[in-house]
Amino acid sequence: MPSVHLTFTAPDVENLTTLKIYEAASPTGTFSPIETVSPMGVYPDYIDEYTTDKALNTGDWFAIEFIDSKGATTGLSVAVKGDQQLAISEIIQRVTERDASLNERVVQQEAESAIYYATATDPYDPTLSFNYLQKRGITNLTLAFCYLSEMAQSVGASWTAGIVSMKFSDAAIKARADSINRLIAQANRDLGTSFSMVAYLEDLPIAGGSQFGLVDQTRLLVEFR
């Protein structure tokens, strides 16, 4: 049987004991298990690569799942093609190496957006490749998109379409937003882009029942009437 080398990042979870490898003829096909690997190291130093010699075809698609000591599973990972390293697969790998707590399927979705934003190219184009600066830039932009998605679900935060904007209500969210802005700024330098995030202040309570006549929260201008 042909061999396929797989690289991956195990989730930041204790007591993982088993790695299962699956194969399918297409990324949306029915995945069948082909090999079980155990032991797979001790937390936090789990294995991060493995070569299976149980593949049916190197051109098939492969996915993995992790199982802990109680039998709970992580579910199937994003599928990768055995005979080629797609650019998006490398970006997903780089992002999960930087933050293993992120949901890999969300990382894939945000990587698709980041790649298309930066290149206007199909993220799954097998001819697509990046230089070292572009890899770092798209990795940071994907991380920023993932963190923005997390913040959108935070209590006290609100969002608008277009240029990404947010409303924060506490120092922790503001600090998080500042960190995301730094990721975006570095991505812009690497990619030569101008993506930006605008933080909006909360609506201000006005004593005496006054109402706002004009508010430009991005420039902190307020006109009362």
N, C-alpha and C. Protein backbone atom coordinates (compact mmCIF):
# COMPACT_ATOMS: atom_id res chain seq x y z
N MET A 1 0.84 -1.20 0.00
CA MET A 1 0.00 0.00 0.00
C MET A 1 0.88 1.25 0.00
N PRO A 2 0.44 2.33 -0.67
CA PRO A 2 1.24 3.56 -0.68
C PRO A 2 1.26 4.25 0.68
N SER A 3 2.27 5.06 0.88
CA SER A 3 2.42 5.79 2.13
C SER A 3 2.06 7.26 1.94
N VAL A 4 1.49 7.85 2.98
CA VAL A 4 1.14 9.27 2.97
C VAL A 4 1.61 9.88 4.28
N HIS A 5 2.34 10.98 4.16
CA HIS A 5 2.84 11.68 5.35
C HIS A 5 1.86 12.78 5.75
N LEU A 6 1.44 12.77 7.00
CA LEU A 6 0.48 13.75 7.50
C LEU A 6 1.12 14.59 8.60
N THR A 7 0.89 15.90 8.55
CA THR A 7 1.29 16.77 9.64
C THR A 7 0.04 17.39 10.23
N PHE A 8 0.05 17.66 11.52
CA PHE A 8 -1.16 18.13 12.19
C PHE A 8 -0.78 18.75 13.53
N THR A 9 -1.74 19.37 14.18
CA THR A 9 -1.57 19.92 15.52
C THR A 9 -2.64 19.34 16.42
N ALA A 10 -2.22 18.62 17.43
CA ALA A 10 -3.19 18.04 18.36
C ALA A 10 -3.84 19.16 19.18
N PRO A 11 -5.11 19.00 19.56
CA PRO A 11 -5.75 20.03 20.38
C PRO A 11 -5.08 20.15 21.75
N ASP A 12 -5.22 21.30 22.35
CA ASP A 12 -4.61 21.55 23.66
C ASP A 12 -5.50 20.95 24.74
N VAL A 13 -5.54 19.62 24.77
CA VAL A 13 -6.41 18.87 25.67
C VAL A 13 -5.59 17.75 26.31
N GLU A 14 -5.76 17.55 27.61
CA GLU A 14 -5.05 16.48 28.30
C GLU A 14 -5.70 15.13 28.04
N ASN A 15 -4.93 14.07 28.30
CA ASN A 15 -5.42 12.68 28.29
C ASN A 15 -5.83 12.17 26.91
N LEU A 16 -5.29 12.75 25.84
CA LEU A 16 -5.51 12.15 24.52
C LEU A 16 -4.64 10.89 24.42
N THR A 17 -5.22 9.83 23.89
CA THR A 17 -4.49 8.55 23.86
C THR A 17 -4.36 7.97 22.46
N THR A 18 -5.24 8.36 21.55
CA THR A 18 -5.31 7.66 20.26
C THR A 18 -5.52 8.63 19.11
N LEU A 19 -4.84 8.38 18.00
CA LEU A 19 -5.03 9.10 16.75
C LEU A 19 -5.61 8.13 15.73
N LYS A 20 -6.73 8.49 15.11
CA LYS A 20 -7.32 7.66 14.06
C LYS A 20 -7.22 8.39 12.73
N ILE A 21 -6.83 7.68 11.71
CA ILE A 21 -6.65 8.24 10.37
C ILE A 21 -7.74 7.70 9.46
N TYR A 22 -8.34 8.59 8.68
CA TYR A 22 -9.45 8.23 7.79
C TYR A 22 -9.09 8.60 6.35
N GLU A 23 -9.73 7.93 5.41
CA GLU A 23 -9.47 8.18 3.99
C GLU A 23 -10.79 8.18 3.22
N ALA A 24 -10.88 9.05 2.20
CA ALA A 24 -12.04 9.08 1.31
C ALA A 24 -11.57 9.51 -0.07
N ALA A 25 -12.36 9.18 -1.08
CA ALA A 25 -11.99 9.51 -2.46
C ALA A 25 -12.19 10.98 -2.78
N SER A 26 -13.00 11.69 -1.98
CA SER A 26 -13.25 13.11 -2.21
C SER A 26 -13.38 13.80 -0.85
N PRO A 27 -13.22 15.12 -0.81
CA PRO A 27 -13.30 15.82 0.48
C PRO A 27 -14.68 15.77 1.11
N THR A 28 -15.71 15.47 0.31
CA THR A 28 -17.07 15.38 0.85
C THR A 28 -17.57 13.94 0.88
N GLY A 29 -16.68 13.00 0.61
CA GLY A 29 -17.08 11.60 0.57
C GLY A 29 -17.22 10.99 1.95
N THR A 30 -17.51 9.72 1.98
CA THR A 30 -17.61 8.99 3.25
C THR A 30 -16.21 8.54 3.67
N PHE A 31 -15.77 9.01 4.84
CA PHE A 31 -14.43 8.69 5.31
C PHE A 31 -14.45 7.37 6.09
N SER A 32 -13.50 6.51 5.75
CA SER A 32 -13.38 5.21 6.41
C SER A 32 -12.05 5.16 7.17
N PRO A 33 -12.04 4.60 8.38
CA PRO A 33 -10.79 4.51 9.13
C PRO A 33 -9.82 3.54 8.47
N ILE A 34 -8.56 3.95 8.41
CA ILE A 34 -7.54 3.06 7.81
C ILE A 34 -6.44 2.70 8.79
N GLU A 35 -6.27 3.50 9.86
CA GLU A 35 -5.21 3.18 10.83
C GLU A 35 -5.49 3.86 12.16
N THR A 36 -5.13 3.15 13.23
CA THR A 36 -5.24 3.68 14.59
C THR A 36 -3.84 3.74 15.19
N VAL A 37 -3.48 4.90 15.71
CA VAL A 37 -2.14 5.11 16.26
C VAL A 37 -2.24 5.34 17.76
N SER A 38 -1.58 4.49 18.53
CA SER A 38 -1.57 4.64 19.99
C SER A 38 -0.37 3.87 20.54
N PRO A 39 0.39 4.45 21.46
CA PRO A 39 0.22 5.79 22.05
C PRO A 39 0.65 6.89 21.08
N MET A 40 0.32 8.13 21.45
CA MET A 40 0.64 9.26 20.58
C MET A 40 1.34 10.38 21.35
N GLY A 41 2.06 9.97 22.41
CA GLY A 41 2.78 10.95 23.21
C GLY A 41 1.99 11.35 24.44
N VAL A 42 2.62 12.20 25.23
CA VAL A 42 2.03 12.65 26.51
C VAL A 42 1.84 14.17 26.47
N TYR A 43 0.70 14.62 26.95
CA TYR A 43 0.41 16.05 26.98
C TYR A 43 1.52 16.81 27.70
N PRO A 44 1.99 17.96 27.18
CA PRO A 44 1.54 18.63 25.96
C PRO A 44 2.37 18.27 24.72
N ASP A 45 3.14 17.19 24.82
CA ASP A 45 4.05 16.83 23.73
C ASP A 45 3.51 15.67 22.90
N TYR A 46 2.30 15.83 22.37
CA TYR A 46 1.76 14.83 21.46
C TYR A 46 2.51 14.85 20.14
N ILE A 47 2.42 13.74 19.39
CA ILE A 47 3.04 13.73 18.06
C ILE A 47 2.35 14.75 17.15
N ASP A 48 3.10 15.31 16.20
CA ASP A 48 2.53 16.30 15.28
C ASP A 48 2.73 15.90 13.82
N GLU A 49 3.15 14.66 13.58
CA GLU A 49 3.26 14.14 12.22
C GLU A 49 3.24 12.62 12.27
N TYR A 50 2.83 12.04 11.17
CA TYR A 50 2.78 10.57 11.11
C TYR A 50 2.70 10.15 9.65
N THR A 51 3.39 9.08 9.33
CA THR A 51 3.33 8.51 7.98
C THR A 51 2.56 7.20 8.04
N THR A 52 1.42 7.17 7.36
CA THR A 52 0.64 5.94 7.30
C THR A 52 1.00 5.17 6.03
N ASP A 53 1.11 3.87 6.16
CA ASP A 53 1.37 3.03 4.99
C ASP A 53 0.13 2.19 4.66
N LYS A 54 -1.02 2.66 5.14
CA LYS A 54 -2.28 1.95 4.92
C LYS A 54 -3.18 2.64 3.91
N ALA A 55 -2.66 3.68 3.24
CA ALA A 55 -3.48 4.42 2.27
C ALA A 55 -3.82 3.55 1.07
N LEU A 56 -5.01 3.76 0.53
CA LEU A 56 -5.40 3.07 -0.69
C LEU A 56 -4.88 3.78 -1.93
N ASN A 57 -4.82 5.13 -1.84
CA ASN A 57 -4.41 5.95 -2.98
C ASN A 57 -3.85 7.26 -2.45
N THR A 58 -2.65 7.64 -2.88
CA THR A 58 -2.05 8.87 -2.38
C THR A 58 -2.83 10.10 -2.83
N GLY A 59 -3.64 9.97 -3.86
CA GLY A 59 -4.44 11.10 -4.33
C GLY A 59 -5.76 11.25 -3.62
N ASP A 60 -6.06 10.35 -2.66
CA ASP A 60 -7.29 10.47 -1.88
C ASP A 60 -7.19 11.59 -0.85
N TRP A 61 -8.27 11.77 -0.11
CA TRP A 61 -8.34 12.80 0.95
C TRP A 61 -8.27 12.12 2.30
N PHE A 62 -7.58 12.78 3.24
CA PHE A 62 -7.34 12.18 4.54
C PHE A 62 -7.77 13.13 5.65
N ALA A 63 -8.32 12.54 6.71
CA ALA A 63 -8.74 13.31 7.88
C ALA A 63 -8.34 12.51 9.12
N ILE A 64 -8.27 13.19 10.25
CA ILE A 64 -7.89 12.52 11.49
C ILE A 64 -8.86 12.91 12.60
N GLU A 65 -8.86 12.11 13.66
CA GLU A 65 -9.56 12.50 14.88
C GLU A 65 -8.76 11.99 16.07
N PHE A 66 -8.91 12.67 17.19
CA PHE A 66 -8.22 12.29 18.41
C PHE A 66 -9.24 11.74 19.40
N ILE A 67 -8.81 10.76 20.20
CA ILE A 67 -9.67 10.13 21.19
C ILE A 67 -8.98 10.19 22.54
N ASP A 68 -9.74 10.55 23.59
CA ASP A 68 -9.11 10.63 24.91
C ASP A 68 -9.29 9.33 25.69
N SER A 69 -8.79 9.31 26.92
CA SER A 69 -8.77 8.08 27.72
C SER A 69 -10.16 7.59 28.10
N LYS A 70 -11.18 8.46 27.96
CA LYS A 70 -12.55 8.06 28.28
C LYS A 70 -13.38 7.76 27.04
N GLY A 71 -12.74 7.82 25.88
CA GLY A 71 -13.44 7.49 24.65
C GLY A 71 -14.07 8.66 23.93
N ALA A 72 -13.96 9.86 24.49
CA ALA A 72 -14.50 11.04 23.82
C ALA A 72 -13.62 11.39 22.62
N THR A 73 -14.25 11.88 21.54
CA THR A 73 -13.50 12.18 20.33
C THR A 73 -13.61 13.66 19.96
N THR A 74 -12.65 14.11 19.19
CA THR A 74 -12.66 15.50 18.72
C THR A 74 -13.49 15.66 17.46
N GLY A 75 -13.88 14.56 16.83
CA GLY A 75 -14.55 14.64 15.53
C GLY A 75 -13.51 14.75 14.43
N LEU A 76 -13.94 14.52 13.21
CA LEU A 76 -13.02 14.53 12.08
C LEU A 76 -12.46 15.93 11.84
N SER A 77 -11.19 15.98 11.49
CA SER A 77 -10.53 17.23 11.14
C SER A 77 -10.92 17.65 9.73
N VAL A 78 -10.44 18.81 9.33
CA VAL A 78 -10.55 19.23 7.93
C VAL A 78 -9.76 18.24 7.08
N ALA A 79 -10.31 17.84 5.94
CA ALA A 79 -9.64 16.87 5.07
C ALA A 79 -8.53 17.52 4.26
N VAL A 80 -7.44 16.77 4.02
CA VAL A 80 -6.34 17.24 3.19
C VAL A 80 -6.07 16.20 2.11
N LYS A 81 -5.58 16.67 0.98
CA LYS A 81 -5.29 15.77 -0.14
C LYS A 81 -3.90 15.16 0.05
N GLY A 82 -3.82 13.86 -0.18
CA GLY A 82 -2.59 13.16 0.15
C GLY A 82 -1.41 13.48 -0.73
N ASP A 83 -1.65 13.82 -2.01
CA ASP A 83 -0.51 13.99 -2.91
C ASP A 83 -0.13 15.44 -3.16
N GLN A 84 -0.71 16.35 -2.42
CA GLN A 84 -0.30 17.74 -2.58
C GLN A 84 -0.60 18.54 -1.32
N GLN A 85 0.22 19.54 -1.08
CA GLN A 85 0.03 20.43 0.05
C GLN A 85 -0.61 21.71 -0.46
N LEU A 86 -1.91 21.86 -0.28
CA LEU A 86 -2.58 23.08 -0.71
C LEU A 86 -2.13 24.24 0.17
N ALA A 87 -2.12 25.44 -0.42
CA ALA A 87 -1.72 26.62 0.33
C ALA A 87 -2.58 26.82 1.56
N ILE A 88 -3.90 26.59 1.43
CA ILE A 88 -4.78 26.79 2.57
C ILE A 88 -4.48 25.80 3.68
N SER A 89 -4.04 24.59 3.34
CA SER A 89 -3.71 23.61 4.38
C SER A 89 -2.53 24.08 5.21
N GLU A 90 -1.56 24.71 4.56
CA GLU A 90 -0.40 25.22 5.30
C GLU A 90 -0.81 26.38 6.20
N ILE A 91 -1.72 27.24 5.73
CA ILE A 91 -2.18 28.35 6.57
C ILE A 91 -2.93 27.82 7.79
N ILE A 92 -3.81 26.84 7.57
CA ILE A 92 -4.54 26.24 8.70
C ILE A 92 -3.57 25.66 9.71
N GLN A 93 -2.54 24.97 9.21
CA GLN A 93 -1.53 24.38 10.09
C GLN A 93 -0.82 25.46 10.90
N ARG A 94 -0.43 26.54 10.25
CA ARG A 94 0.28 27.63 10.95
C ARG A 94 -0.61 28.29 12.01
N VAL A 95 -1.89 28.47 11.68
CA VAL A 95 -2.80 29.11 12.64
C VAL A 95 -2.99 28.22 13.86
N THR A 96 -3.25 26.94 13.66
CA THR A 96 -3.48 26.05 14.79
C THR A 96 -2.21 25.83 15.61
N GLU A 97 -1.05 25.97 14.99
CA GLU A 97 0.20 25.90 15.76
C GLU A 97 0.33 27.10 16.69
N ARG A 98 -0.19 28.25 16.27
CA ARG A 98 -0.14 29.45 17.11
C ARG A 98 -1.20 29.45 18.19
N ASP A 99 -2.35 28.85 17.93
CA ASP A 99 -3.42 28.80 18.92
C ASP A 99 -4.20 27.50 18.74
N ALA A 100 -3.83 26.48 19.50
CA ALA A 100 -4.45 25.17 19.37
C ALA A 100 -5.87 25.14 19.94
N SER A 101 -6.29 26.21 20.63
CA SER A 101 -7.64 26.24 21.21
C SER A 101 -8.71 26.58 20.17
N LEU A 102 -8.29 27.07 18.99
CA LEU A 102 -9.26 27.47 17.97
C LEU A 102 -9.91 26.25 17.32
N ASN A 103 -11.19 26.38 16.99
CA ASN A 103 -11.91 25.34 16.28
C ASN A 103 -11.36 25.25 14.85
N GLU A 104 -10.92 24.07 14.45
CA GLU A 104 -10.24 23.95 13.15
C GLU A 104 -11.18 24.26 11.99
N ARG A 105 -12.45 23.94 12.13
CA ARG A 105 -13.38 24.24 11.05
C ARG A 105 -13.61 25.75 10.91
N VAL A 106 -13.61 26.46 12.03
CA VAL A 106 -13.69 27.92 11.97
C VAL A 106 -12.42 28.47 11.35
N VAL A 107 -11.27 27.91 11.72
CA VAL A 107 -10.00 28.34 11.13
C VAL A 107 -10.03 28.16 9.62
N GLN A 108 -10.55 27.04 9.16
CA GLN A 108 -10.64 26.81 7.72
C GLN A 108 -11.50 27.87 7.04
N GLN A 109 -12.66 28.17 7.62
CA GLN A 109 -13.56 29.17 7.03
C GLN A 109 -12.90 30.55 6.97
N GLU A 110 -12.23 30.93 8.07
CA GLU A 110 -11.59 32.24 8.11
C GLU A 110 -10.35 32.29 7.22
N ALA A 111 -9.66 31.16 7.08
CA ALA A 111 -8.51 31.11 6.17
C ALA A 111 -8.97 31.29 4.73
N GLU A 112 -10.12 30.70 4.39
CA GLU A 112 -10.68 30.90 3.05
C GLU A 112 -10.91 32.39 2.77
N SER A 113 -11.51 33.07 3.77
CA SER A 113 -11.79 34.50 3.61
C SER A 113 -10.51 35.31 3.51
N ALA A 114 -9.54 35.01 4.38
CA ALA A 114 -8.29 35.77 4.39
C ALA A 114 -7.53 35.60 3.08
N ILE A 115 -7.46 34.37 2.58
CA ILE A 115 -6.74 34.13 1.32
C ILE A 115 -7.43 34.84 0.17
N TYR A 116 -8.75 34.75 0.12
CA TYR A 116 -9.45 35.39 -0.99
C TYR A 116 -9.35 36.91 -0.88
N TYR A 117 -9.40 37.44 0.35
CA TYR A 117 -9.26 38.89 0.53
C TYR A 117 -7.90 39.36 0.03
N ALA A 118 -6.86 38.60 0.35
CA ALA A 118 -5.50 39.03 0.01
C ALA A 118 -5.13 38.78 -1.44
N THR A 119 -5.75 37.76 -2.07
CA THR A 119 -5.31 37.35 -3.40
C THR A 119 -6.39 37.38 -4.48
N ALA A 120 -7.67 37.45 -4.07
CA ALA A 120 -8.80 37.35 -5.01
C ALA A 120 -8.70 36.06 -5.83
N THR A 121 -8.18 35.01 -5.19
CA THR A 121 -7.98 33.72 -5.85
C THR A 121 -8.67 32.63 -5.05
N ASP A 122 -9.15 31.60 -5.74
CA ASP A 122 -9.75 30.45 -5.07
C ASP A 122 -8.76 29.87 -4.07
N PRO A 123 -9.12 29.82 -2.77
CA PRO A 123 -8.18 29.30 -1.77
C PRO A 123 -7.75 27.86 -2.02
N TYR A 124 -8.53 27.13 -2.84
CA TYR A 124 -8.21 25.72 -3.09
C TYR A 124 -7.55 25.51 -4.45
N ASP A 125 -7.12 26.58 -5.07
CA ASP A 125 -6.39 26.48 -6.33
C ASP A 125 -5.06 25.76 -6.06
N PRO A 126 -4.82 24.61 -6.69
CA PRO A 126 -3.60 23.85 -6.40
C PRO A 126 -2.32 24.55 -6.85
N THR A 127 -2.44 25.57 -7.70
CA THR A 127 -1.25 26.29 -8.16
C THR A 127 -0.92 27.48 -7.25
N LEU A 128 -1.79 27.76 -6.28
CA LEU A 128 -1.58 28.92 -5.41
C LEU A 128 -0.43 28.67 -4.45
N SER A 129 0.46 29.65 -4.33
CA SER A 129 1.57 29.53 -3.38
C SER A 129 1.90 30.91 -2.84
N PHE A 130 2.55 30.95 -1.68
CA PHE A 130 2.89 32.21 -1.03
C PHE A 130 4.37 32.24 -0.68
N ASN A 131 4.95 33.47 -0.68
CA ASN A 131 6.30 33.59 -0.16
C ASN A 131 6.23 33.67 1.36
N TYR A 132 7.37 33.80 2.01
CA TYR A 132 7.39 33.72 3.47
C TYR A 132 6.62 34.86 4.14
N LEU A 133 6.76 36.08 3.61
CA LEU A 133 6.03 37.20 4.18
C LEU A 133 4.53 37.03 3.99
N GLN A 134 4.13 36.56 2.82
CA GLN A 134 2.70 36.35 2.57
C GLN A 134 2.12 35.28 3.50
N LYS A 135 2.89 34.24 3.74
CA LYS A 135 2.43 33.20 4.67
C LYS A 135 2.18 33.79 6.05
N ARG A 136 3.12 34.60 6.53
CA ARG A 136 2.94 35.20 7.85
C ARG A 136 1.75 36.16 7.85
N GLY A 137 1.64 36.95 6.78
CA GLY A 137 0.56 37.91 6.70
C GLY A 137 -0.81 37.25 6.70
N ILE A 138 -0.98 36.21 5.88
CA ILE A 138 -2.28 35.55 5.81
C ILE A 138 -2.56 34.76 7.09
N THR A 139 -1.52 34.22 7.70
CA THR A 139 -1.69 33.55 8.99
C THR A 139 -2.20 34.53 10.04
N ASN A 140 -1.58 35.70 10.13
CA ASN A 140 -2.01 36.71 11.11
C ASN A 140 -3.41 37.23 10.80
N LEU A 141 -3.72 37.40 9.53
CA LEU A 141 -5.06 37.88 9.16
C LEU A 141 -6.11 36.82 9.51
N THR A 142 -5.79 35.56 9.29
CA THR A 142 -6.71 34.48 9.65
C THR A 142 -6.92 34.44 11.16
N LEU A 143 -5.85 34.58 11.92
CA LEU A 143 -5.98 34.64 13.38
C LEU A 143 -6.89 35.80 13.80
N ALA A 144 -6.67 36.96 13.19
CA ALA A 144 -7.50 38.12 13.52
C ALA A 144 -8.96 37.85 13.22
N PHE A 145 -9.25 37.25 12.06
CA PHE A 145 -10.63 36.92 11.70
C PHE A 145 -11.24 35.94 12.72
N CYS A 146 -10.45 34.95 13.14
CA CYS A 146 -10.94 33.97 14.12
C CYS A 146 -11.27 34.66 15.45
N TYR A 147 -10.38 35.56 15.89
CA TYR A 147 -10.62 36.24 17.16
C TYR A 147 -11.80 37.21 17.07
N LEU A 148 -11.97 37.83 15.91
CA LEU A 148 -13.14 38.70 15.71
C LEU A 148 -14.42 37.88 15.79
N SER A 149 -14.39 36.69 15.23
CA SER A 149 -15.55 35.80 15.29
C SER A 149 -15.87 35.43 16.73
N GLU A 150 -14.83 35.16 17.53
CA GLU A 150 -15.04 34.85 18.94
C GLU A 150 -15.62 36.04 19.68
N MET A 151 -15.10 37.24 19.41
CA MET A 151 -15.56 38.44 20.10
C MET A 151 -16.99 38.80 19.74
N ALA A 152 -17.40 38.44 18.53
CA ALA A 152 -18.77 38.73 18.11
C ALA A 152 -19.78 37.99 18.97
N GLN A 153 -19.32 36.93 19.63
CA GLN A 153 -20.22 36.15 20.48
C GLN A 153 -20.10 36.57 21.95
N SER A 154 -19.25 37.56 22.23
CA SER A 154 -19.03 37.99 23.60
C SER A 154 -20.18 38.86 24.09
N VAL A 155 -20.49 38.74 25.36
CA VAL A 155 -21.51 39.59 25.96
C VAL A 155 -21.02 41.04 25.96
N GLY A 156 -21.87 41.94 25.52
CA GLY A 156 -21.52 43.35 25.53
C GLY A 156 -20.86 43.85 24.28
N ALA A 157 -20.66 42.95 23.29
CA ALA A 157 -20.04 43.40 22.04
C ALA A 157 -21.08 43.42 20.94
N SER A 158 -21.01 44.41 20.05
CA SER A 158 -21.90 44.44 18.90
C SER A 158 -21.10 44.80 17.67
N TRP A 159 -21.64 44.44 16.50
CA TRP A 159 -20.84 44.50 15.28
C TRP A 159 -21.66 45.06 14.13
N THR A 160 -20.97 45.64 13.15
CA THR A 160 -21.63 46.09 11.94
C THR A 160 -20.90 45.52 10.74
N ALA A 161 -21.56 45.49 9.60
CA ALA A 161 -20.95 44.96 8.39
C ALA A 161 -20.02 46.00 7.78
N GLY A 162 -19.40 45.64 6.66
CA GLY A 162 -18.47 46.56 6.02
C GLY A 162 -17.13 46.48 6.71
N ILE A 163 -16.51 47.64 6.93
CA ILE A 163 -15.29 47.66 7.73
C ILE A 163 -15.66 47.12 9.09
N VAL A 164 -14.91 46.17 9.60
CA VAL A 164 -15.28 45.52 10.84
C VAL A 164 -15.29 46.54 11.97
N SER A 165 -16.40 46.65 12.68
CA SER A 165 -16.49 47.59 13.79
C SER A 165 -17.02 46.87 15.01
N MET A 166 -16.75 47.40 16.19
CA MET A 166 -17.20 46.75 17.40
C MET A 166 -17.55 47.78 18.45
N LYS A 167 -18.37 47.38 19.40
CA LYS A 167 -18.70 48.21 20.54
C LYS A 167 -18.26 47.46 21.78
N PHE A 168 -17.38 48.04 22.59
CA PHE A 168 -16.88 47.34 23.74
C PHE A 168 -17.39 47.99 25.02
N SER A 169 -17.49 47.19 26.07
CA SER A 169 -18.03 47.69 27.32
C SER A 169 -17.10 47.48 28.49
N ASP A 170 -15.96 46.87 28.31
CA ASP A 170 -15.04 46.67 29.42
C ASP A 170 -13.61 46.63 28.90
N ALA A 171 -12.68 46.79 29.84
CA ALA A 171 -11.27 46.89 29.49
C ALA A 171 -10.74 45.62 28.85
N ALA A 172 -11.26 44.46 29.28
CA ALA A 172 -10.76 43.19 28.73
C ALA A 172 -11.05 43.09 27.24
N ILE A 173 -12.26 43.48 26.83
CA ILE A 173 -12.60 43.42 25.42
C ILE A 173 -11.78 44.43 24.63
N LYS A 174 -11.56 45.61 25.22
CA LYS A 174 -10.75 46.62 24.53
C LYS A 174 -9.32 46.12 24.34
N ALA A 175 -8.77 45.47 25.38
CA ALA A 175 -7.40 44.94 25.26
C ALA A 175 -7.34 43.87 24.17
N ARG A 176 -8.39 43.05 24.10
CA ARG A 176 -8.45 42.03 23.07
C ARG A 176 -8.48 42.67 21.69
N ALA A 177 -9.29 43.74 21.57
CA ALA A 177 -9.39 44.44 20.29
C ALA A 177 -8.05 45.04 19.89
N ASP A 178 -7.32 45.58 20.85
CA ASP A 178 -6.00 46.15 20.56
C ASP A 178 -5.05 45.08 20.03
N SER A 179 -5.12 43.88 20.61
CA SER A 179 -4.26 42.78 20.16
C SER A 179 -4.61 42.37 18.73
N ILE A 180 -5.91 42.32 18.43
CA ILE A 180 -6.35 41.98 17.09
C ILE A 180 -5.88 43.04 16.10
N ASN A 181 -5.97 44.31 16.50
CA ASN A 181 -5.51 45.38 15.62
C ASN A 181 -4.03 45.25 15.30
N ARG A 182 -3.24 44.80 16.27
CA ARG A 182 -1.81 44.63 16.02
C ARG A 182 -1.57 43.49 15.02
N LEU A 183 -2.36 42.41 15.15
CA LEU A 183 -2.26 41.33 14.17
C LEU A 183 -2.60 41.83 12.77
N ILE A 184 -3.67 42.62 12.68
CA ILE A 184 -4.09 43.15 11.38
C ILE A 184 -3.04 44.08 10.81
N ALA A 185 -2.45 44.93 11.67
CA ALA A 185 -1.43 45.86 11.21
C ALA A 185 -0.22 45.12 10.64
N GLN A 186 0.20 44.05 11.32
CA GLN A 186 1.34 43.27 10.82
C GLN A 186 0.97 42.58 9.52
N ALA A 187 -0.26 42.05 9.43
CA ALA A 187 -0.71 41.41 8.19
C ALA A 187 -0.71 42.41 7.05
N ASN A 188 -1.18 43.62 7.31
CA ASN A 188 -1.19 44.66 6.26
C ASN A 188 0.22 44.96 5.76
N ARG A 189 1.18 45.02 6.67
CA ARG A 189 2.58 45.29 6.26
C ARG A 189 3.11 44.17 5.39
N ASP A 190 2.81 42.93 5.77
CA ASP A 190 3.32 41.78 5.01
C ASP A 190 2.64 41.64 3.65
N LEU A 191 1.35 41.98 3.59
CA LEU A 191 0.57 41.73 2.38
C LEU A 191 0.39 42.97 1.51
N GLY A 192 0.74 44.16 2.04
CA GLY A 192 0.52 45.38 1.29
C GLY A 192 -0.96 45.71 1.14
N THR A 193 -1.75 45.34 2.15
CA THR A 193 -3.19 45.60 2.13
C THR A 193 -3.54 46.70 3.13
N SER A 194 -4.82 47.01 3.22
CA SER A 194 -5.24 48.10 4.12
C SER A 194 -6.49 47.73 4.90
N PHE A 195 -6.65 46.45 5.20
CA PHE A 195 -7.79 46.03 6.02
C PHE A 195 -7.70 46.71 7.38
N SER A 196 -8.85 47.12 7.93
CA SER A 196 -8.83 47.80 9.23
C SER A 196 -10.03 47.43 10.06
N MET A 197 -9.89 47.61 11.37
CA MET A 197 -10.97 47.41 12.32
C MET A 197 -11.17 48.71 13.08
N VAL A 198 -12.41 49.17 13.20
CA VAL A 198 -12.72 50.41 13.89
C VAL A 198 -13.47 50.09 15.17
N ALA A 199 -12.96 50.53 16.30
CA ALA A 199 -13.62 50.30 17.58
C ALA A 199 -14.57 51.45 17.87
N TYR A 200 -15.82 51.14 18.17
CA TYR A 200 -16.83 52.15 18.48
C TYR A 200 -17.04 52.20 19.99
N LEU A 201 -17.13 53.41 20.53
CA LEU A 201 -17.46 53.57 21.94
C LEU A 201 -18.92 53.25 22.18
N GLU A 202 -19.27 52.87 23.43
CA GLU A 202 -20.66 52.66 23.78
C GLU A 202 -21.44 53.97 23.71
N ASP A 203 -22.74 53.87 23.51
CA ASP A 203 -23.59 55.04 23.57
C ASP A 203 -23.49 55.65 24.97
N LEU A 204 -23.39 56.98 25.04
CA LEU A 204 -23.19 57.65 26.31
C LEU A 204 -24.52 58.06 26.93
N PRO A 205 -24.78 57.75 28.23
CA PRO A 205 -26.00 58.23 28.88
C PRO A 205 -25.88 59.72 29.14
N ILE A 206 -26.93 60.48 28.86
CA ILE A 206 -26.91 61.92 29.01
C ILE A 206 -27.89 62.33 30.11
N ALA A 207 -27.38 63.06 31.10
CA ALA A 207 -28.22 63.52 32.21
C ALA A 207 -29.28 64.48 31.70
N GLY A 208 -30.46 64.42 32.32
CA GLY A 208 -31.51 65.37 31.97
C GLY A 208 -32.29 64.99 30.73
N GLY A 209 -32.03 63.80 30.20
CA GLY A 209 -32.82 63.35 29.05
C GLY A 209 -32.43 63.97 27.73
N SER A 210 -31.27 64.61 27.63
CA SER A 210 -30.84 65.18 26.35
C SER A 210 -30.64 64.07 25.33
N GLN A 211 -30.76 64.42 24.07
CA GLN A 211 -30.57 63.45 23.00
C GLN A 211 -29.40 63.86 22.12
N PHE A 212 -28.80 62.88 21.49
CA PHE A 212 -27.72 63.17 20.56
C PHE A 212 -28.29 63.74 19.27
N GLY A 213 -27.70 64.80 18.81
CA GLY A 213 -28.05 65.31 17.49
C GLY A 213 -27.13 64.72 16.45
N LEU A 214 -25.87 64.58 16.78
CA LEU A 214 -24.90 64.01 15.86
C LEU A 214 -23.82 63.31 16.66
N VAL A 215 -23.50 62.11 16.29
CA VAL A 215 -22.42 61.38 16.94
C VAL A 215 -21.54 60.78 15.87
N ASP A 216 -20.26 61.10 15.90
CA ASP A 216 -19.28 60.44 15.05
C ASP A 216 -18.34 59.71 16.00
N GLN A 217 -18.67 58.45 16.30
CA GLN A 217 -17.92 57.73 17.33
C GLN A 217 -16.50 57.39 16.90
N THR A 218 -16.24 57.32 15.60
CA THR A 218 -14.88 57.00 15.16
C THR A 218 -13.94 58.17 15.42
N ARG A 219 -14.47 59.41 15.45
CA ARG A 219 -13.64 60.57 15.71
C ARG A 219 -13.92 61.18 17.08
N LEU A 220 -14.84 60.55 17.83
CA LEU A 220 -15.16 60.99 19.19
C LEU A 220 -15.73 62.39 19.19
N LEU A 221 -16.60 62.71 18.23
CA LEU A 221 -17.26 64.01 18.18
C LEU A 221 -18.72 63.81 18.58
N VAL A 222 -19.21 64.66 19.47
CA VAL A 222 -20.60 64.58 19.91
C VAL A 222 -21.22 65.95 19.87
N GLU A 223 -22.42 66.05 19.25
CA GLU A 223 -23.14 67.32 19.21
C GLU A 223 -24.46 67.13 19.95
N PHE A 224 -24.75 67.99 20.95
CA PHE A 224 -25.94 67.85 21.75
C PHE A 224 -27.03 68.79 21.25
N ARG A 225 -28.30 68.43 21.54
CA ARG A 225 -29.42 69.33 21.26
C ARG A 225 -30.50 69.11 22.31
